[in-house]
């Protein structure tokens, strides 16, 4: 069983990854080009966060699973936007 503290700490790390990705997406949207290294780093952080959420969900209670599910949706939403933006610029 995942502890409440571990889930809360992980959700905080996910929020930080989400904010970083949103910043990179905004920067890329405002410029004709974007910092590919930082953009790729943000995408990798998102992918790692989604994978970790899936793993953590296995040992979580129903309430924690709901919190993790909602975070995963947010992460995947920005991840998809970033991928589509990157594909459109190639």
Protein backbone atom coordinates (compact mmCIF):
# COMPACT_ATOMS: atom_id res chain seq x y z
CA UNK A 1 0.00 0.00 0.00
CA UNK A 2 1.36 3.39 -0.98
CA UNK A 3 1.52 5.85 1.86
CA UNK A 4 -0.32 9.12 1.68
CA UNK A 5 2.95 10.99 2.03
CA UNK A 6 4.60 9.13 -0.85
CA UNK A 7 1.63 9.80 -3.14
CA UNK A 8 1.54 13.49 -2.13
CA UNK A 9 5.29 13.83 -2.74
CA UNK A 10 4.99 12.14 -6.09
CA UNK A 11 2.06 14.32 -7.13
CA UNK A 12 4.18 17.37 -6.26
CA UNK A 13 7.00 16.11 -8.51
CA UNK A 14 4.46 15.51 -11.27
CA UNK A 15 3.16 19.05 -10.86
CA UNK A 16 6.70 20.38 -11.25
CA UNK A 17 7.23 18.29 -14.41
CA UNK A 18 3.88 19.51 -15.72
CA UNK A 19 4.77 23.16 -15.09
CA UNK A 20 8.18 22.74 -16.73
CA UNK A 21 6.57 21.13 -19.80
CA UNK A 22 3.97 23.90 -20.01
CA UNK A 23 6.75 26.50 -19.89
CA UNK A 24 8.62 24.74 -22.69
CA UNK A 25 5.44 24.46 -24.75
CA UNK A 26 4.71 28.18 -24.26
CA UNK A 27 8.26 29.12 -25.20
CA UNK A 28 8.08 26.99 -28.32
CA UNK A 29 4.71 28.49 -29.25
CA UNK A 30 5.98 32.06 -28.95
CA UNK A 31 9.06 31.48 -31.09
CA UNK A 32 9.49 30.17 -34.59
CA UNK A 33 11.81 27.57 -33.15
CA UNK A 34 12.29 26.18 -29.70
CA UNK A 35 15.15 24.85 -27.60
CA UNK A 36 15.04 21.27 -28.74
CA UNK A 37 17.16 20.01 -25.84
CA UNK A 38 14.90 21.51 -23.18
CA UNK A 39 11.78 20.53 -25.09
CA UNK A 40 12.98 16.93 -25.34
CA UNK A 41 13.93 16.95 -21.66
CA UNK A 42 10.42 18.10 -20.75
CA UNK A 43 8.88 15.34 -22.88
CA UNK A 44 11.11 12.76 -21.22
CA UNK A 45 10.12 13.98 -17.76
CA UNK A 46 6.47 13.67 -18.73
CA UNK A 47 6.97 10.14 -20.02
CA UNK A 48 8.81 9.13 -16.86
CA UNK A 49 6.09 10.66 -14.70
CA UNK A 50 3.33 8.80 -16.56
CA UNK A 51 5.21 5.52 -16.22
CA UNK A 52 5.81 6.11 -12.52
CA UNK A 53 2.15 6.96 -11.97
CA UNK A 54 1.13 3.70 -13.61
CA UNK A 55 3.48 1.81 -11.30
CA UNK A 56 2.43 3.69 -8.16
CA UNK A 57 -1.25 3.16 -8.95
CA UNK A 58 -0.80 -0.57 -8.49
CA UNK A 59 -0.20 -0.13 -4.76
CA UNK A 60 -2.63 2.72 -4.12
CA UNK A 61 -6.07 2.82 -2.57
CA UNK A 62 -9.12 4.02 -4.52
CA UNK A 63 -8.75 7.68 -3.55
CA UNK A 64 -5.06 7.71 -4.40
CA UNK A 65 -5.73 5.97 -7.70
CA UNK A 66 -8.23 8.70 -8.57
CA UNK A 67 -5.69 11.43 -7.76
CA UNK A 68 -3.03 9.66 -9.80
CA UNK A 69 -5.42 9.11 -12.70
CA UNK A 70 -6.29 12.80 -12.82
CA UNK A 71 -2.62 13.76 -12.77
CA UNK A 72 -1.85 11.24 -15.51
CA UNK A 73 -4.55 12.81 -17.71
CA UNK A 74 -3.00 16.25 -17.24
CA UNK A 75 0.47 14.94 -18.02
CA UNK A 76 -0.69 13.09 -21.11
CA UNK A 77 -2.62 16.11 -22.36
CA UNK A 78 0.43 18.39 -22.40
CA UNK A 79 2.57 15.51 -23.67
CA UNK A 80 0.26 15.06 -26.66
CA UNK A 81 0.20 18.81 -27.37
CA UNK A 82 4.00 18.93 -27.29
CA UNK A 83 4.36 15.92 -29.58
CA UNK A 84 1.90 17.37 -32.09
CA UNK A 85 3.68 20.73 -32.00
CA UNK A 86 7.05 19.07 -32.52
CA UNK A 87 5.72 17.01 -35.43
CA UNK A 88 4.15 20.09 -37.04
CA UNK A 89 7.46 21.94 -37.00
CA UNK A 90 9.44 19.19 -38.67
